[in-house]
Amino acid sequence: EINELLRAGQIDVAFICTNAYVEGHDQFGLELVVAPVRDGKPQYSGYIIVQQNSGIESFDQLQWKKFAFTDPMSTTGYLYPTSLVKKLGYSYNTYFSQVFFTYSHDNSVKAVAQGLADGASVDAMVYKHLSQKQPGIVHNLKVIQESNPLGSPPVVARPGLDIKLKTELQSFLINLAYQPSGQQILKNMGLEGYVRVTDKDYDNVRTMRRQALP
């Protein structure tokens, strides 16, 4: 829905996931503004999570189990686990006993914590943020697999946005890290700052798309 609003020019700027950026860029020229930094780099990864006492130690042990996806457009919440399943020679419909979409990484974490799903794939940045801010949610969970580093979910602009406005927004977000109030905002978001990135920084997501999608 956000991509369609950007395509139609009904919104100018958005915070979106990496796969949504790649699809939007390749289909209608969606533009990068900045990407968030955590752990010193504008990259993140996907976590496969299960309950601590589940006895599950690897992704292949999730076969015939209930699995929570985040969103069909999500890189870490959909493309990553789907690519793992494809490498094993299955589709997710035949690999898992049941799948459902939560439409939020927080909800996927909670689904596993509450036993609604045996496993889920979530954004590592969100998982770490929850670990710090709401440790009670993740105390009974563990990470059994992590994806390769991926370009961080970026801030994007619709094609044709005034270059002056885009540059001012870019500078504003980058300068948050150098102002006390901005530093507090970033801390609340679980981020260290924003930096400029290029389209090539998302080629690894394109590779994952080729592995995961028909």
N, C-alpha and C. Protein backbone atom coordinates (compact mmCIF):
# COMPACT_ATOMS: atom_id res chain seq x y z
N GLU A 1 0.83 -1.21 0.00
CA GLU A 1 0.00 0.00 0.00
C GLU A 1 0.87 1.26 0.00
N ILE A 2 1.94 1.25 0.80
CA ILE A 2 2.83 2.42 0.85
C ILE A 2 3.49 2.64 -0.51
N ASN A 3 3.96 1.55 -1.14
CA ASN A 3 4.57 1.69 -2.46
C ASN A 3 3.61 2.28 -3.47
N GLU A 4 2.35 1.87 -3.42
CA GLU A 4 1.37 2.39 -4.38
C GLU A 4 1.11 3.87 -4.15
N LEU A 5 1.11 4.30 -2.88
CA LEU A 5 0.94 5.72 -2.58
C LEU A 5 2.14 6.52 -3.08
N LEU A 6 3.35 5.96 -2.94
CA LEU A 6 4.55 6.63 -3.45
C LEU A 6 4.52 6.70 -4.97
N ARG A 7 4.12 5.59 -5.59
CA ARG A 7 4.05 5.55 -7.06
C ARG A 7 3.07 6.61 -7.59
N ALA A 8 1.94 6.76 -6.88
CA ALA A 8 0.90 7.70 -7.32
C ALA A 8 1.20 9.14 -6.93
N GLY A 9 2.26 9.36 -6.15
CA GLY A 9 2.59 10.71 -5.72
C GLY A 9 1.70 11.23 -4.61
N GLN A 10 0.97 10.33 -3.94
CA GLN A 10 0.08 10.76 -2.86
C GLN A 10 0.83 10.96 -1.55
N ILE A 11 2.01 10.37 -1.42
CA ILE A 11 2.92 10.68 -0.32
C ILE A 11 4.30 10.93 -0.91
N ASP A 12 5.11 11.69 -0.20
CA ASP A 12 6.42 12.08 -0.72
C ASP A 12 7.56 11.22 -0.18
N VAL A 13 7.43 10.82 1.09
CA VAL A 13 8.54 10.16 1.78
C VAL A 13 7.97 9.04 2.65
N ALA A 14 8.74 7.97 2.82
CA ALA A 14 8.26 6.87 3.67
C ALA A 14 9.43 6.10 4.26
N PHE A 15 9.16 5.46 5.39
CA PHE A 15 10.07 4.49 6.00
C PHE A 15 9.56 3.12 5.56
N ILE A 16 10.33 2.38 4.78
CA ILE A 16 9.85 1.10 4.27
C ILE A 16 10.90 0.01 4.44
N CYS A 17 10.52 -1.22 4.15
CA CYS A 17 11.46 -2.33 4.27
C CYS A 17 12.32 -2.42 3.01
N THR A 18 13.37 -3.21 3.09
CA THR A 18 14.34 -3.29 2.00
C THR A 18 13.73 -3.87 0.73
N ASN A 19 12.92 -4.90 0.86
CA ASN A 19 12.31 -5.51 -0.32
C ASN A 19 11.34 -4.55 -0.99
N ALA A 20 10.61 -3.79 -0.19
CA ALA A 20 9.69 -2.79 -0.76
C ALA A 20 10.48 -1.74 -1.54
N TYR A 21 11.66 -1.35 -1.02
CA TYR A 21 12.50 -0.39 -1.76
C TYR A 21 12.95 -0.99 -3.09
N VAL A 22 13.49 -2.21 -3.04
CA VAL A 22 14.01 -2.83 -4.26
C VAL A 22 12.92 -2.95 -5.31
N GLU A 23 11.74 -3.42 -4.91
CA GLU A 23 10.64 -3.55 -5.87
C GLU A 23 10.21 -2.19 -6.39
N GLY A 24 10.11 -1.20 -5.50
CA GLY A 24 9.71 0.14 -5.92
C GLY A 24 10.73 0.80 -6.82
N HIS A 25 12.01 0.61 -6.51
CA HIS A 25 13.07 1.18 -7.35
C HIS A 25 13.05 0.56 -8.74
N ASP A 26 12.95 -0.76 -8.79
CA ASP A 26 13.03 -1.45 -10.07
C ASP A 26 11.78 -1.27 -10.91
N GLN A 27 10.64 -1.03 -10.26
CA GLN A 27 9.38 -0.90 -11.01
C GLN A 27 9.07 0.54 -11.41
N PHE A 28 9.36 1.51 -10.52
CA PHE A 28 8.96 2.87 -10.86
C PHE A 28 9.94 3.94 -10.39
N GLY A 29 11.18 3.55 -10.09
CA GLY A 29 12.22 4.55 -9.81
C GLY A 29 12.21 5.14 -8.42
N LEU A 30 11.73 4.41 -7.43
CA LEU A 30 11.76 4.88 -6.05
C LEU A 30 13.19 5.27 -5.66
N GLU A 31 13.33 6.36 -4.91
CA GLU A 31 14.66 6.91 -4.63
C GLU A 31 15.04 6.76 -3.15
N LEU A 32 16.31 6.48 -2.92
CA LEU A 32 16.84 6.41 -1.56
C LEU A 32 17.06 7.80 -0.99
N VAL A 33 16.80 7.95 0.30
CA VAL A 33 17.18 9.17 1.02
C VAL A 33 18.33 8.84 1.97
N VAL A 34 18.07 8.01 2.96
CA VAL A 34 19.10 7.55 3.90
C VAL A 34 18.71 6.16 4.39
N ALA A 35 19.64 5.54 5.11
CA ALA A 35 19.36 4.26 5.76
C ALA A 35 19.83 4.33 7.21
N PRO A 36 19.17 3.61 8.12
CA PRO A 36 19.54 3.66 9.53
C PRO A 36 20.79 2.84 9.82
N VAL A 37 21.50 3.26 10.86
CA VAL A 37 22.72 2.59 11.30
C VAL A 37 22.47 1.97 12.67
N ARG A 38 22.85 0.70 12.79
CA ARG A 38 22.86 0.03 14.09
C ARG A 38 24.08 -0.85 14.14
N ASP A 39 24.71 -0.93 15.31
CA ASP A 39 25.95 -1.69 15.47
C ASP A 39 27.01 -1.21 14.49
N GLY A 40 27.00 0.09 14.21
CA GLY A 40 28.06 0.71 13.42
C GLY A 40 27.95 0.59 11.92
N LYS A 41 26.85 0.04 11.39
CA LYS A 41 26.76 -0.13 9.95
C LYS A 41 25.31 -0.02 9.48
N PRO A 42 25.11 0.43 8.23
CA PRO A 42 23.75 0.53 7.68
C PRO A 42 23.28 -0.81 7.13
N GLN A 43 23.38 -1.83 7.93
CA GLN A 43 22.97 -3.16 7.55
C GLN A 43 22.22 -3.81 8.71
N TYR A 44 21.46 -4.82 8.39
CA TYR A 44 20.76 -5.57 9.41
C TYR A 44 20.66 -7.01 8.95
N SER A 45 20.02 -7.84 9.73
CA SER A 45 19.87 -9.24 9.34
C SER A 45 18.53 -9.76 9.81
N GLY A 46 18.20 -10.94 9.36
CA GLY A 46 16.99 -11.61 9.81
C GLY A 46 17.33 -12.68 10.83
N TYR A 47 16.48 -12.83 11.82
CA TYR A 47 16.64 -13.86 12.85
C TYR A 47 15.52 -14.89 12.70
N ILE A 48 15.87 -16.17 12.74
CA ILE A 48 14.88 -17.22 12.92
C ILE A 48 14.79 -17.48 14.41
N ILE A 49 13.60 -17.31 14.99
CA ILE A 49 13.45 -17.42 16.44
C ILE A 49 12.47 -18.55 16.79
N VAL A 50 12.71 -19.15 17.95
CA VAL A 50 11.84 -20.20 18.51
C VAL A 50 11.83 -20.02 20.02
N GLN A 51 11.01 -20.79 20.70
CA GLN A 51 11.02 -20.75 22.16
C GLN A 51 12.25 -21.48 22.70
N GLN A 52 12.73 -21.00 23.85
CA GLN A 52 13.92 -21.58 24.47
C GLN A 52 13.77 -23.07 24.72
N ASN A 53 12.61 -23.47 25.20
CA ASN A 53 12.42 -24.87 25.61
C ASN A 53 11.78 -25.73 24.53
N SER A 54 11.83 -25.26 23.27
CA SER A 54 11.16 -25.98 22.18
C SER A 54 11.91 -27.22 21.74
N GLY A 55 13.20 -27.28 22.03
CA GLY A 55 14.02 -28.38 21.54
C GLY A 55 14.46 -28.19 20.10
N ILE A 56 14.06 -27.08 19.49
CA ILE A 56 14.43 -26.78 18.09
C ILE A 56 15.75 -26.02 18.08
N GLU A 57 16.72 -26.54 17.34
CA GLU A 57 18.04 -25.93 17.31
C GLU A 57 18.46 -25.49 15.91
N SER A 58 17.72 -25.89 14.88
CA SER A 58 18.08 -25.54 13.51
C SER A 58 16.82 -25.36 12.67
N PHE A 59 16.96 -24.68 11.54
CA PHE A 59 15.81 -24.37 10.71
C PHE A 59 15.14 -25.63 10.18
N ASP A 60 15.92 -26.67 9.86
CA ASP A 60 15.30 -27.87 9.31
C ASP A 60 14.40 -28.59 10.32
N GLN A 61 14.57 -28.29 11.60
CA GLN A 61 13.70 -28.87 12.62
C GLN A 61 12.34 -28.17 12.68
N LEU A 62 12.18 -27.11 11.93
CA LEU A 62 10.88 -26.42 11.87
C LEU A 62 9.95 -27.03 10.81
N GLN A 63 10.43 -28.03 10.08
CA GLN A 63 9.56 -28.68 9.12
C GLN A 63 8.36 -29.30 9.84
N TRP A 64 7.17 -29.12 9.21
CA TRP A 64 5.89 -29.58 9.76
C TRP A 64 5.46 -28.81 11.01
N LYS A 65 6.09 -27.66 11.26
CA LYS A 65 5.72 -26.82 12.39
C LYS A 65 4.92 -25.60 11.91
N LYS A 66 4.34 -24.87 12.86
CA LYS A 66 3.62 -23.63 12.56
C LYS A 66 4.62 -22.48 12.49
N PHE A 67 4.52 -21.67 11.43
CA PHE A 67 5.50 -20.60 11.22
C PHE A 67 4.80 -19.28 10.94
N ALA A 68 5.33 -18.21 11.54
CA ALA A 68 4.77 -16.87 11.36
C ALA A 68 5.63 -16.04 10.41
N PHE A 69 5.02 -15.58 9.33
CA PHE A 69 5.63 -14.59 8.46
C PHE A 69 5.18 -13.21 8.91
N THR A 70 5.96 -12.20 8.54
CA THR A 70 5.59 -10.84 8.90
C THR A 70 4.66 -10.22 7.85
N ASP A 71 5.18 -10.02 6.65
CA ASP A 71 4.43 -9.36 5.59
C ASP A 71 4.95 -9.89 4.26
N PRO A 72 4.09 -10.06 3.26
CA PRO A 72 4.57 -10.57 1.98
C PRO A 72 5.64 -9.70 1.33
N MET A 73 5.76 -8.44 1.73
CA MET A 73 6.76 -7.55 1.17
C MET A 73 8.03 -7.48 2.02
N SER A 74 8.03 -8.15 3.17
CA SER A 74 9.15 -8.06 4.12
C SER A 74 10.34 -8.90 3.66
N THR A 75 11.53 -8.32 3.79
CA THR A 75 12.76 -9.06 3.46
C THR A 75 13.04 -10.11 4.52
N THR A 76 13.20 -9.67 5.75
CA THR A 76 13.56 -10.61 6.82
C THR A 76 12.37 -11.43 7.27
N GLY A 77 11.17 -10.90 7.14
CA GLY A 77 9.99 -11.58 7.63
C GLY A 77 9.30 -12.46 6.62
N TYR A 78 9.78 -12.46 5.35
CA TYR A 78 9.18 -13.32 4.33
C TYR A 78 10.22 -13.86 3.34
N LEU A 79 10.97 -12.97 2.68
CA LEU A 79 11.93 -13.43 1.68
C LEU A 79 12.97 -14.37 2.27
N TYR A 80 13.51 -14.01 3.43
CA TYR A 80 14.58 -14.81 4.03
C TYR A 80 14.12 -16.23 4.33
N PRO A 81 13.05 -16.43 5.12
CA PRO A 81 12.66 -17.82 5.39
C PRO A 81 12.19 -18.55 4.14
N THR A 82 11.57 -17.84 3.20
CA THR A 82 11.14 -18.48 1.96
C THR A 82 12.32 -18.96 1.15
N SER A 83 13.41 -18.16 1.13
CA SER A 83 14.62 -18.59 0.42
C SER A 83 15.24 -19.82 1.07
N LEU A 84 15.19 -19.91 2.40
CA LEU A 84 15.71 -21.09 3.10
C LEU A 84 14.91 -22.34 2.73
N VAL A 85 13.60 -22.19 2.68
CA VAL A 85 12.73 -23.31 2.32
C VAL A 85 13.01 -23.77 0.88
N LYS A 86 13.15 -22.78 -0.04
CA LYS A 86 13.41 -23.11 -1.44
C LYS A 86 14.73 -23.87 -1.59
N LYS A 87 15.75 -23.49 -0.82
CA LYS A 87 17.04 -24.18 -0.89
C LYS A 87 16.91 -25.64 -0.47
N LEU A 88 15.93 -25.92 0.39
CA LEU A 88 15.70 -27.29 0.84
C LEU A 88 14.79 -28.07 -0.13
N GLY A 89 14.37 -27.39 -1.20
CA GLY A 89 13.57 -28.06 -2.22
C GLY A 89 12.08 -28.05 -2.00
N TYR A 90 11.58 -27.14 -1.17
CA TYR A 90 10.16 -27.08 -0.85
C TYR A 90 9.60 -25.69 -1.15
N SER A 91 8.29 -25.58 -1.11
CA SER A 91 7.62 -24.30 -0.99
C SER A 91 7.17 -24.19 0.47
N TYR A 92 6.92 -22.97 0.94
CA TYR A 92 6.57 -22.85 2.36
C TYR A 92 5.25 -23.54 2.68
N ASN A 93 4.37 -23.65 1.67
CA ASN A 93 3.07 -24.31 1.91
C ASN A 93 3.22 -25.81 2.15
N THR A 94 4.28 -26.39 1.60
CA THR A 94 4.49 -27.83 1.79
C THR A 94 5.50 -28.11 2.90
N TYR A 95 6.27 -27.11 3.27
CA TYR A 95 7.31 -27.32 4.29
C TYR A 95 6.76 -27.21 5.71
N PHE A 96 5.96 -26.16 5.94
CA PHE A 96 5.39 -25.94 7.26
C PHE A 96 3.99 -26.54 7.35
N SER A 97 3.57 -26.90 8.55
CA SER A 97 2.21 -27.42 8.72
C SER A 97 1.18 -26.32 8.61
N GLN A 98 1.58 -25.10 9.00
CA GLN A 98 0.67 -23.95 8.93
C GLN A 98 1.50 -22.68 8.88
N VAL A 99 1.08 -21.71 8.10
CA VAL A 99 1.73 -20.40 8.08
C VAL A 99 0.66 -19.32 8.20
N PHE A 100 1.06 -18.19 8.79
CA PHE A 100 0.16 -17.04 8.84
C PHE A 100 1.00 -15.77 8.89
N PHE A 101 0.38 -14.66 8.51
CA PHE A 101 1.06 -13.37 8.48
C PHE A 101 0.62 -12.53 9.68
N THR A 102 1.59 -11.90 10.34
CA THR A 102 1.30 -11.08 11.51
C THR A 102 1.27 -9.59 11.18
N TYR A 103 1.92 -9.19 10.07
CA TYR A 103 1.99 -7.80 9.60
C TYR A 103 2.72 -6.87 10.55
N SER A 104 3.58 -7.43 11.39
CA SER A 104 4.42 -6.63 12.28
C SER A 104 5.48 -7.55 12.86
N HIS A 105 6.74 -7.09 12.88
CA HIS A 105 7.81 -7.89 13.48
C HIS A 105 7.55 -8.09 14.97
N ASP A 106 7.05 -7.07 15.63
CA ASP A 106 6.68 -7.20 17.05
C ASP A 106 5.66 -8.32 17.23
N ASN A 107 4.65 -8.35 16.35
CA ASN A 107 3.62 -9.38 16.45
C ASN A 107 4.17 -10.78 16.20
N SER A 108 5.14 -10.88 15.30
CA SER A 108 5.75 -12.19 15.04
C SER A 108 6.52 -12.68 16.27
N VAL A 109 7.24 -11.77 16.92
CA VAL A 109 7.96 -12.13 18.15
C VAL A 109 6.96 -12.60 19.20
N LYS A 110 5.87 -11.86 19.36
CA LYS A 110 4.86 -12.21 20.36
C LYS A 110 4.17 -13.53 20.01
N ALA A 111 3.99 -13.80 18.71
CA ALA A 111 3.34 -15.05 18.30
C ALA A 111 4.14 -16.26 18.75
N VAL A 112 5.47 -16.17 18.64
CA VAL A 112 6.31 -17.28 19.10
C VAL A 112 6.35 -17.32 20.62
N ALA A 113 6.47 -16.15 21.25
CA ALA A 113 6.53 -16.10 22.71
C ALA A 113 5.27 -16.69 23.34
N GLN A 114 4.12 -16.47 22.69
CA GLN A 114 2.84 -16.94 23.22
C GLN A 114 2.46 -18.33 22.73
N GLY A 115 3.32 -18.94 21.92
CA GLY A 115 3.05 -20.29 21.45
C GLY A 115 2.08 -20.39 20.30
N LEU A 116 1.74 -19.25 19.68
CA LEU A 116 0.85 -19.28 18.52
C LEU A 116 1.56 -19.81 17.29
N ALA A 117 2.89 -19.66 17.27
CA ALA A 117 3.74 -20.20 16.20
C ALA A 117 4.94 -20.88 16.84
N ASP A 118 5.44 -21.90 16.16
CA ASP A 118 6.65 -22.58 16.64
C ASP A 118 7.90 -21.78 16.29
N GLY A 119 7.83 -21.02 15.21
CA GLY A 119 8.98 -20.23 14.79
C GLY A 119 8.54 -19.04 13.96
N ALA A 120 9.46 -18.10 13.80
CA ALA A 120 9.20 -16.92 12.98
C ALA A 120 10.53 -16.37 12.51
N SER A 121 10.47 -15.54 11.48
CA SER A 121 11.65 -14.83 11.01
C SER A 121 11.38 -13.34 11.19
N VAL A 122 12.29 -12.66 11.89
CA VAL A 122 12.04 -11.26 12.24
C VAL A 122 13.27 -10.40 11.99
N ASP A 123 13.04 -9.12 11.90
CA ASP A 123 14.08 -8.11 11.76
C ASP A 123 14.94 -8.10 13.02
N ALA A 124 16.26 -8.31 12.86
CA ALA A 124 17.14 -8.34 14.02
C ALA A 124 17.14 -7.02 14.78
N MET A 125 16.99 -5.89 14.07
CA MET A 125 16.97 -4.60 14.75
C MET A 125 15.76 -4.50 15.67
N VAL A 126 14.62 -4.99 15.20
CA VAL A 126 13.41 -4.95 16.03
C VAL A 126 13.57 -5.89 17.22
N TYR A 127 14.12 -7.06 16.98
CA TYR A 127 14.30 -8.04 18.06
C TYR A 127 15.24 -7.49 19.14
N LYS A 128 16.33 -6.86 18.73
CA LYS A 128 17.26 -6.29 19.70
C LYS A 128 16.63 -5.14 20.47
N HIS A 129 15.84 -4.34 19.75
CA HIS A 129 15.16 -3.21 20.41
C HIS A 129 14.18 -3.72 21.46
N LEU A 130 13.42 -4.76 21.12
CA LEU A 130 12.50 -5.35 22.09
C LEU A 130 13.26 -5.94 23.27
N SER A 131 14.40 -6.54 23.00
CA SER A 131 15.21 -7.13 24.08
C SER A 131 15.63 -6.08 25.10
N GLN A 132 15.87 -4.86 24.60
CA GLN A 132 16.31 -3.78 25.48
C GLN A 132 15.13 -3.08 26.17
N LYS A 133 14.06 -2.86 25.40
CA LYS A 133 12.95 -2.06 25.91
C LYS A 133 11.87 -2.89 26.60
N GLN A 134 11.64 -4.11 26.11
CA GLN A 134 10.60 -4.97 26.67
C GLN A 134 11.14 -6.40 26.81
N PRO A 135 12.15 -6.60 27.66
CA PRO A 135 12.80 -7.91 27.75
C PRO A 135 11.86 -9.04 28.14
N GLY A 136 10.76 -8.71 28.80
CA GLY A 136 9.82 -9.75 29.19
C GLY A 136 9.21 -10.47 28.00
N ILE A 137 9.15 -9.79 26.85
CA ILE A 137 8.55 -10.40 25.66
C ILE A 137 9.45 -11.48 25.08
N VAL A 138 10.78 -11.28 25.17
CA VAL A 138 11.71 -12.19 24.48
C VAL A 138 12.46 -13.11 25.45
N HIS A 139 12.14 -13.07 26.75
CA HIS A 139 12.95 -13.81 27.71
C HIS A 139 12.92 -15.32 27.49
N ASN A 140 11.84 -15.81 26.88
CA ASN A 140 11.74 -17.26 26.67
C ASN A 140 12.03 -17.66 25.22
N LEU A 141 12.69 -16.75 24.47
CA LEU A 141 12.98 -17.00 23.06
C LEU A 141 14.48 -17.15 22.82
N LYS A 142 14.82 -17.74 21.68
CA LYS A 142 16.22 -17.83 21.28
C LYS A 142 16.32 -17.73 19.76
N VAL A 143 17.48 -17.27 19.29
CA VAL A 143 17.76 -17.16 17.86
C VAL A 143 18.49 -18.41 17.43
N ILE A 144 17.98 -19.11 16.42
CA ILE A 144 18.63 -20.33 15.97
C ILE A 144 19.36 -20.15 14.63
N GLN A 145 19.09 -19.06 13.93
CA GLN A 145 19.78 -18.81 12.66
C GLN A 145 19.70 -17.34 12.32
N GLU A 146 20.74 -16.83 11.66
CA GLU A 146 20.80 -15.42 11.27
C GLU A 146 21.17 -15.33 9.80
N SER A 147 20.53 -14.43 9.09
CA SER A 147 20.82 -14.24 7.67
C SER A 147 22.15 -13.51 7.48
N ASN A 148 22.63 -13.49 6.25
CA ASN A 148 23.76 -12.64 5.91
C ASN A 148 23.34 -11.17 6.05
N PRO A 149 24.31 -10.25 6.20
CA PRO A 149 23.96 -8.83 6.31
C PRO A 149 23.22 -8.34 5.07
N LEU A 150 22.21 -7.50 5.30
CA LEU A 150 21.39 -6.93 4.24
C LEU A 150 21.35 -5.42 4.39
N GLY A 151 21.10 -4.70 3.31
CA GLY A 151 20.95 -3.26 3.40
C GLY A 151 19.79 -2.89 4.32
N SER A 152 20.00 -1.93 5.20
CA SER A 152 18.99 -1.57 6.20
C SER A 152 17.73 -1.02 5.55
N PRO A 153 16.57 -1.21 6.20
CA PRO A 153 15.31 -0.65 5.69
C PRO A 153 15.42 0.87 5.55
N PRO A 154 15.31 1.40 4.34
CA PRO A 154 15.66 2.81 4.14
C PRO A 154 14.48 3.78 4.29
N VAL A 155 14.85 5.03 4.32
CA VAL A 155 13.91 6.13 4.12
C VAL A 155 13.95 6.44 2.63
N VAL A 156 12.80 6.51 1.99
CA VAL A 156 12.75 6.69 0.54
C VAL A 156 11.90 7.89 0.16
N ALA A 157 12.10 8.32 -1.08
CA ALA A 157 11.31 9.43 -1.63
C ALA A 157 10.70 9.00 -2.95
N ARG A 158 9.52 9.54 -3.24
CA ARG A 158 8.88 9.23 -4.52
C ARG A 158 9.70 9.81 -5.66
N PRO A 159 9.62 9.21 -6.84
CA PRO A 159 10.30 9.79 -7.99
C PRO A 159 9.79 11.20 -8.27
N GLY A 160 10.71 12.10 -8.58
CA GLY A 160 10.33 13.46 -8.93
C GLY A 160 10.17 14.41 -7.77
N LEU A 161 10.44 13.93 -6.54
CA LEU A 161 10.38 14.86 -5.40
C LEU A 161 11.42 15.95 -5.58
N ASP A 162 11.05 17.18 -5.24
CA ASP A 162 11.96 18.32 -5.37
C ASP A 162 13.31 18.00 -4.76
N ILE A 163 14.38 18.15 -5.53
CA ILE A 163 15.71 17.75 -5.09
C ILE A 163 16.15 18.55 -3.87
N LYS A 164 15.75 19.81 -3.77
CA LYS A 164 16.10 20.63 -2.62
C LYS A 164 15.45 20.07 -1.35
N LEU A 165 14.18 19.70 -1.45
CA LEU A 165 13.47 19.13 -0.30
C LEU A 165 14.09 17.79 0.09
N LYS A 166 14.41 16.97 -0.89
CA LYS A 166 15.02 15.67 -0.61
C LYS A 166 16.37 15.86 0.09
N THR A 167 17.17 16.81 -0.38
CA THR A 167 18.49 17.06 0.22
C THR A 167 18.36 17.59 1.64
N GLU A 168 17.39 18.46 1.87
CA GLU A 168 17.17 19.00 3.21
C GLU A 168 16.74 17.90 4.18
N LEU A 169 15.87 17.01 3.72
CA LEU A 169 15.43 15.89 4.55
C LEU A 169 16.60 14.96 4.86
N GLN A 170 17.41 14.70 3.85
CA GLN A 170 18.58 13.85 4.04
C GLN A 170 19.52 14.44 5.09
N SER A 171 19.79 15.73 4.99
CA SER A 171 20.67 16.40 5.95
C SER A 171 20.08 16.39 7.35
N PHE A 172 18.76 16.62 7.44
CA PHE A 172 18.10 16.62 8.75
C PHE A 172 18.27 15.27 9.44
N LEU A 173 18.02 14.19 8.72
CA LEU A 173 18.11 12.87 9.33
C LEU A 173 19.54 12.50 9.69
N ILE A 174 20.49 12.86 8.84
CA ILE A 174 21.90 12.57 9.13
C ILE A 174 22.37 13.36 10.35
N ASN A 175 21.91 14.60 10.47
CA ASN A 175 22.37 15.47 11.56
C ASN A 175 21.73 15.15 12.90
N LEU A 176 20.73 14.28 12.94
CA LEU A 176 20.14 13.90 14.22
C LEU A 176 21.20 13.38 15.19
N ALA A 177 22.18 12.66 14.67
CA ALA A 177 23.20 12.04 15.52
C ALA A 177 24.13 13.06 16.17
N TYR A 178 24.08 14.30 15.71
CA TYR A 178 25.00 15.33 16.20
C TYR A 178 24.30 16.37 17.06
N GLN A 179 23.04 16.11 17.44
CA GLN A 179 22.29 17.03 18.27
C GLN A 179 21.73 16.26 19.47
N PRO A 180 21.78 16.85 20.67
CA PRO A 180 21.27 16.14 21.87
C PRO A 180 19.84 15.64 21.71
N SER A 181 18.96 16.49 21.19
CA SER A 181 17.56 16.04 21.03
C SER A 181 17.47 14.94 19.99
N GLY A 182 18.26 15.07 18.93
CA GLY A 182 18.26 14.04 17.89
C GLY A 182 18.81 12.73 18.40
N GLN A 183 19.82 12.80 19.24
CA GLN A 183 20.40 11.58 19.82
C GLN A 183 19.38 10.84 20.67
N GLN A 184 18.54 11.60 21.38
CA GLN A 184 17.50 10.97 22.19
C GLN A 184 16.45 10.30 21.31
N ILE A 185 16.09 10.95 20.22
CA ILE A 185 15.15 10.36 19.26
C ILE A 185 15.71 9.05 18.72
N LEU A 186 16.96 9.08 18.32
CA LEU A 186 17.59 7.87 17.78
C LEU A 186 17.66 6.76 18.82
N LYS A 187 17.99 7.13 20.04
CA LYS A 187 18.05 6.15 21.13
C LYS A 187 16.70 5.47 21.33
N ASN A 188 15.64 6.29 21.30
CA ASN A 188 14.29 5.74 21.46
C ASN A 188 13.93 4.77 20.34
N MET A 189 14.53 4.99 19.17
CA MET A 189 14.28 4.13 18.01
C MET A 189 15.23 2.93 17.96
N GLY A 190 16.21 2.91 18.86
CA GLY A 190 17.19 1.83 18.85
C GLY A 190 18.21 1.96 17.73
N LEU A 191 18.47 3.20 17.31
CA LEU A 191 19.38 3.45 16.19
C LEU A 191 20.54 4.34 16.62
N GLU A 192 21.61 4.28 15.83
CA GLU A 192 22.77 5.13 16.08
C GLU A 192 22.80 6.35 15.17
N GLY A 193 22.08 6.30 14.08
CA GLY A 193 22.06 7.42 13.15
C GLY A 193 21.56 7.01 11.80
N TYR A 194 21.65 7.95 10.85
CA TYR A 194 21.30 7.69 9.45
C TYR A 194 22.47 8.10 8.57
N VAL A 195 22.67 7.39 7.47
CA VAL A 195 23.74 7.69 6.53
C VAL A 195 23.23 7.56 5.10
N ARG A 196 23.95 8.16 4.17
CA ARG A 196 23.64 7.98 2.76
C ARG A 196 24.03 6.57 2.32
N VAL A 197 23.25 6.00 1.45
CA VAL A 197 23.54 4.69 0.87
C VAL A 197 23.25 4.75 -0.62
N THR A 198 23.67 3.72 -1.34
CA THR A 198 23.44 3.66 -2.78
C THR A 198 22.60 2.43 -3.12
N ASP A 199 22.07 2.43 -4.32
CA ASP A 199 21.24 1.30 -4.74
C ASP A 199 22.01 -0.02 -4.72
N LYS A 200 23.29 0.02 -4.99
CA LYS A 200 24.09 -1.21 -5.00
C LYS A 200 24.13 -1.87 -3.62
N ASP A 201 23.91 -1.09 -2.57
CA ASP A 201 23.89 -1.66 -1.22
C ASP A 201 22.72 -2.62 -1.02
N TYR A 202 21.79 -2.66 -1.98
CA TYR A 202 20.62 -3.53 -1.88
C TYR A 202 20.63 -4.68 -2.90
N ASP A 203 21.77 -4.86 -3.56
CA ASP A 203 21.87 -5.96 -4.52
C ASP A 203 21.73 -7.32 -3.84
N ASN A 204 22.16 -7.42 -2.56
CA ASN A 204 22.01 -8.70 -1.86
C ASN A 204 20.54 -9.05 -1.63
N VAL A 205 19.69 -8.03 -1.53
CA VAL A 205 18.26 -8.28 -1.41
C VAL A 205 17.70 -8.78 -2.74
N ARG A 206 18.22 -8.24 -3.84
CA ARG A 206 17.81 -8.74 -5.16
C ARG A 206 18.18 -10.21 -5.33
N THR A 207 19.36 -10.57 -4.84
CA THR A 207 19.77 -11.97 -4.90
C THR A 207 18.80 -12.84 -4.11
N MET A 208 18.41 -12.38 -2.91
CA MET A 208 17.46 -13.13 -2.09
C MET A 208 16.10 -13.23 -2.77
N ARG A 209 15.68 -12.18 -3.46
CA ARG A 209 14.41 -12.21 -4.19
C ARG A 209 14.45 -13.31 -5.25
N ARG A 210 15.56 -13.41 -5.97
CA ARG A 210 15.68 -14.43 -7.01
C ARG A 210 15.63 -15.83 -6.40
N GLN A 211 16.18 -15.98 -5.21
CA GLN A 211 16.18 -17.29 -4.54
C GLN A 211 14.80 -17.64 -4.01
N ALA A 212 14.05 -16.64 -3.58
CA ALA A 212 12.80 -16.90 -2.87
C ALA A 212 11.56 -16.90 -3.74
N LEU A 213 11.53 -16.01 -4.74
CA LEU A 213 10.29 -15.82 -5.50
C LEU A 213 10.28 -16.70 -6.76
N PRO A 214 9.09 -17.07 -7.23
CA PRO A 214 8.97 -17.90 -8.43
C PRO A 214 9.61 -17.26 -9.64
